[in-house]
């Protein structure tokens, strides 16, 4: 891997992870209800997009404005991988070792949020009961579920990374890469 891509990916991956970990820690310490707040999720996505754009733009600049699709994608995806792995490790520690007692509290909040949302959309009572039953069967903060969520995160980041790479890659057939 190109050293510029590796350095930028590692740096921005750690930055992205620290931001996510700080947000999760804040929610844990001050208001568990924020785990069900859609605005927190949107804010996290916006931060991720901004950091993703920054890492690809800075990597392109550092490579003398000559970046291939592969290099742009690798810069973004390496950033995402570093961040996802660090956040996964933190979440496993937090929800399974440091404060496992909050898992059930968050699950109750998620069920309440889902019921409120479905009621707002006038969902049939049978459908609401079915969804509650399904949610009660899942424990979203168990290690397996956290890992599964991370796999989905890898997939989402790969798709976004491909889009960014298409936007930032050099369009000429001849690209000059710094070796």
Protein backbone atom coordinates (compact mmCIF):
# COMPACT_ATOMS: atom_id res chain seq x y z
CA UNK A 1 0.00 0.00 0.00
CA UNK A 2 1.19 3.47 -0.87
CA UNK A 3 2.68 5.13 2.26
CA UNK A 4 0.64 8.31 1.71
CA UNK A 5 -2.59 6.30 1.58
CA UNK A 6 -1.56 4.32 4.64
CA UNK A 7 -0.64 7.43 6.68
CA UNK A 8 -3.77 9.38 5.74
CA UNK A 9 -6.05 6.38 6.15
CA UNK A 10 -4.67 5.60 9.60
CA UNK A 11 -4.80 9.24 10.73
CA UNK A 12 -8.32 9.91 9.54
CA UNK A 13 -9.54 6.47 10.64
CA UNK A 14 -8.38 7.20 14.17
CA UNK A 15 -9.97 10.66 14.06
CA UNK A 16 -13.28 9.17 12.86
CA UNK A 17 -13.14 6.49 15.57
CA UNK A 18 -12.36 8.99 18.32
CA UNK A 19 -15.32 11.15 17.32
CA UNK A 20 -17.64 8.12 17.31
CA UNK A 21 -16.29 6.86 20.62
CA UNK A 22 -16.71 10.30 22.21
CA UNK A 23 -20.32 10.52 21.00
CA UNK A 24 -21.08 7.03 22.35
CA UNK A 25 -19.40 7.84 25.66
CA UNK A 26 -21.36 11.06 25.97
CA UNK A 27 -24.64 9.22 25.32
CA UNK A 28 -23.67 6.49 27.81
CA UNK A 29 -22.82 9.02 30.51
CA UNK A 30 -25.61 11.54 30.04
CA UNK A 31 -28.68 10.30 28.12
CA UNK A 32 -29.28 6.75 26.88
CA UNK A 33 -32.33 8.00 24.95
CA UNK A 34 -29.95 9.52 22.41
CA UNK A 35 -29.17 5.96 21.22
CA UNK A 36 -32.63 6.05 19.61
CA UNK A 37 -32.44 9.63 18.34
CA UNK A 38 -32.34 9.69 14.55
CA UNK A 39 -30.58 13.07 14.54
CA UNK A 40 -27.58 11.52 16.29
CA UNK A 41 -27.42 8.91 13.53
CA UNK A 42 -27.66 11.57 10.82
CA UNK A 43 -24.96 13.64 12.53
CA UNK A 44 -22.70 10.58 12.63
CA UNK A 45 -23.25 9.95 8.93
CA UNK A 46 -22.53 13.60 8.06
CA UNK A 47 -19.31 13.52 10.08
CA UNK A 48 -18.31 10.28 8.34
CA UNK A 49 -19.01 11.77 4.91
CA UNK A 50 -17.04 14.93 5.68
CA UNK A 51 -14.05 12.93 6.95
CA UNK A 52 -14.29 10.61 3.94
CA UNK A 53 -14.22 13.50 1.50
CA UNK A 54 -11.35 15.09 3.42
CA UNK A 55 -9.18 11.96 3.42
CA UNK A 56 -9.62 11.40 -0.32
CA UNK A 57 -9.06 15.09 -1.16
CA UNK A 58 -5.98 15.34 1.05
CA UNK A 59 -4.59 12.06 -0.29
CA UNK A 60 -5.07 13.31 -3.84
CA UNK A 61 -3.30 16.56 -2.95
CA UNK A 62 -0.46 14.65 -1.26
CA UNK A 63 -0.09 12.53 -4.41
CA UNK A 64 0.41 15.66 -6.57
CA UNK A 65 -3.24 15.62 -7.68
CA UNK A 66 -2.72 12.31 -9.45
CA UNK A 67 -4.98 9.65 -7.97
CA UNK A 68 -6.47 6.57 -9.55
CA UNK A 69 -9.84 5.09 -8.70
CA UNK A 70 -8.05 2.31 -6.80
CA UNK A 71 -5.95 4.73 -4.74
CA UNK A 72 -8.91 6.98 -3.93
CA UNK A 73 -11.03 3.99 -2.93
CA UNK A 74 -8.21 2.49 -0.87
CA UNK A 75 -7.61 5.77 0.98
CA UNK A 76 -11.27 6.01 1.94
CA UNK A 77 -11.86 2.35 2.68
CA UNK A 78 -8.70 2.01 4.78
CA UNK A 79 -9.93 4.98 6.84
CA UNK A 80 -13.32 3.29 7.27
CA UNK A 81 -11.76 -0.05 8.24
CA UNK A 82 -9.55 1.52 10.90
CA UNK A 83 -12.51 3.44 12.31
CA UNK A 84 -14.96 0.51 12.24
CA UNK A 85 -12.50 -1.85 13.94
CA UNK A 86 -11.65 0.63 16.71
CA UNK A 87 -15.31 1.50 17.32
CA UNK A 88 -16.23 -2.20 17.30
CA UNK A 89 -13.61 -2.95 19.94
CA UNK A 90 -14.81 -0.02 22.06
CA UNK A 91 -18.47 -1.09 21.76
CA UNK A 92 -17.64 -4.68 22.68
CA UNK A 93 -15.81 -3.43 25.78
CA UNK A 94 -18.50 -0.93 26.75
CA UNK A 95 -21.59 -3.07 26.23
CA UNK A 96 -20.21 -6.43 27.31
CA UNK A 97 -17.62 -5.67 30.00
CA UNK A 98 -17.78 -2.10 31.31
CA UNK A 99 -21.56 -1.56 31.43
CA UNK A 100 -23.46 -4.67 30.32
CA UNK A 101 -26.43 -3.59 32.44
CA UNK A 102 -27.33 -0.79 29.99
CA UNK A 103 -28.01 -3.22 27.14
CA UNK A 104 -31.50 -3.99 28.46
CA UNK A 105 -32.25 -0.31 29.13
CA UNK A 106 -31.33 0.60 25.56
CA UNK A 107 -33.38 -2.31 24.21
CA UNK A 108 -36.45 -1.01 26.10
CA UNK A 109 -35.83 2.48 24.67
CA UNK A 110 -35.54 1.02 21.16
CA UNK A 111 -38.82 -0.87 21.55
CA UNK A 112 -40.58 2.25 22.86
CA UNK A 113 -39.18 4.29 19.97
CA UNK A 114 -40.28 1.70 17.41
CA UNK A 115 -43.80 1.49 18.89
CA UNK A 116 -44.12 5.30 18.86
CA UNK A 117 -42.92 5.44 15.27
CA UNK A 118 -45.24 2.68 14.07
CA UNK A 119 -48.19 4.28 15.89
CA UNK A 120 -47.39 7.59 14.18
CA UNK A 121 -47.71 5.80 10.83
CA UNK A 122 -50.95 4.11 11.94
CA UNK A 123 -49.50 0.61 11.70
CA UNK A 124 -51.92 -2.19 12.63
CA UNK A 125 -51.68 -3.38 16.24
CA UNK A 126 -50.81 -6.90 15.05
CA UNK A 127 -47.85 -5.56 13.07
CA UNK A 128 -46.63 -3.55 16.05
CA UNK A 129 -46.87 -6.62 18.30
CA UNK A 130 -44.97 -8.68 15.72
CA UNK A 131 -42.20 -6.07 15.48
CA UNK A 132 -41.92 -5.84 19.27
CA UNK A 133 -41.65 -9.62 19.48
CA UNK A 134 -38.91 -9.64 16.81
CA UNK A 135 -36.98 -6.88 18.56
CA UNK A 136 -37.18 -8.66 21.90
CA UNK A 137 -35.52 -11.74 20.36
CA UNK A 138 -32.45 -9.76 19.27
CA UNK A 139 -29.76 -8.46 21.58
CA UNK A 140 -28.09 -5.76 19.46
CA UNK A 141 -25.12 -5.26 21.77
CA UNK A 142 -23.93 -8.86 22.02
CA UNK A 143 -20.56 -9.43 20.38
CA UNK A 144 -22.00 -11.34 17.41
CA UNK A 145 -24.57 -8.63 16.70
CA UNK A 146 -21.95 -5.89 16.97
CA UNK A 147 -19.70 -7.76 14.53
CA UNK A 148 -22.65 -8.31 12.17
CA UNK A 149 -23.41 -4.59 12.30
CA UNK A 150 -19.78 -3.86 11.48
CA UNK A 151 -19.96 -6.09 8.41
CA UNK A 152 -22.93 -4.07 7.18
CA UNK A 153 -20.96 -0.94 7.92
CA UNK A 154 -18.07 -2.23 5.78
CA UNK A 155 -20.51 -2.79 2.91
CA UNK A 156 -22.02 0.69 3.22
CA UNK A 157 -18.61 2.30 3.39
CA UNK A 158 -17.42 0.31 0.38
CA UNK A 159 -20.32 1.65 -1.68
CA UNK A 160 -19.73 5.22 -0.53
CA UNK A 161 -15.98 4.81 -1.09
CA UNK A 162 -16.59 3.69 -4.66
CA UNK A 163 -18.69 6.80 -5.28
CA UNK A 164 -16.01 9.05 -3.79
CA UNK A 165 -13.32 7.31 -5.84
CA UNK A 166 -15.33 7.93 -9.01
CA UNK A 167 -15.61 11.61 -8.16
CA UNK A 168 -11.99 12.18 -7.13
CA UNK A 169 -10.09 9.96 -9.58
CA UNK A 170 -8.16 11.54 -12.38
CA UNK A 171 -10.21 11.46 -15.53
CA UNK A 172 -7.35 11.44 -18.01
CA UNK A 173 -6.07 8.09 -19.20
CA UNK A 174 -2.55 8.99 -18.17
CA UNK A 175 -2.04 9.45 -14.44
CA UNK A 176 1.26 10.13 -12.88
CA UNK A 177 1.68 8.37 -9.59
CA UNK A 178 4.25 9.15 -7.00
CA UNK A 179 6.08 5.91 -6.27
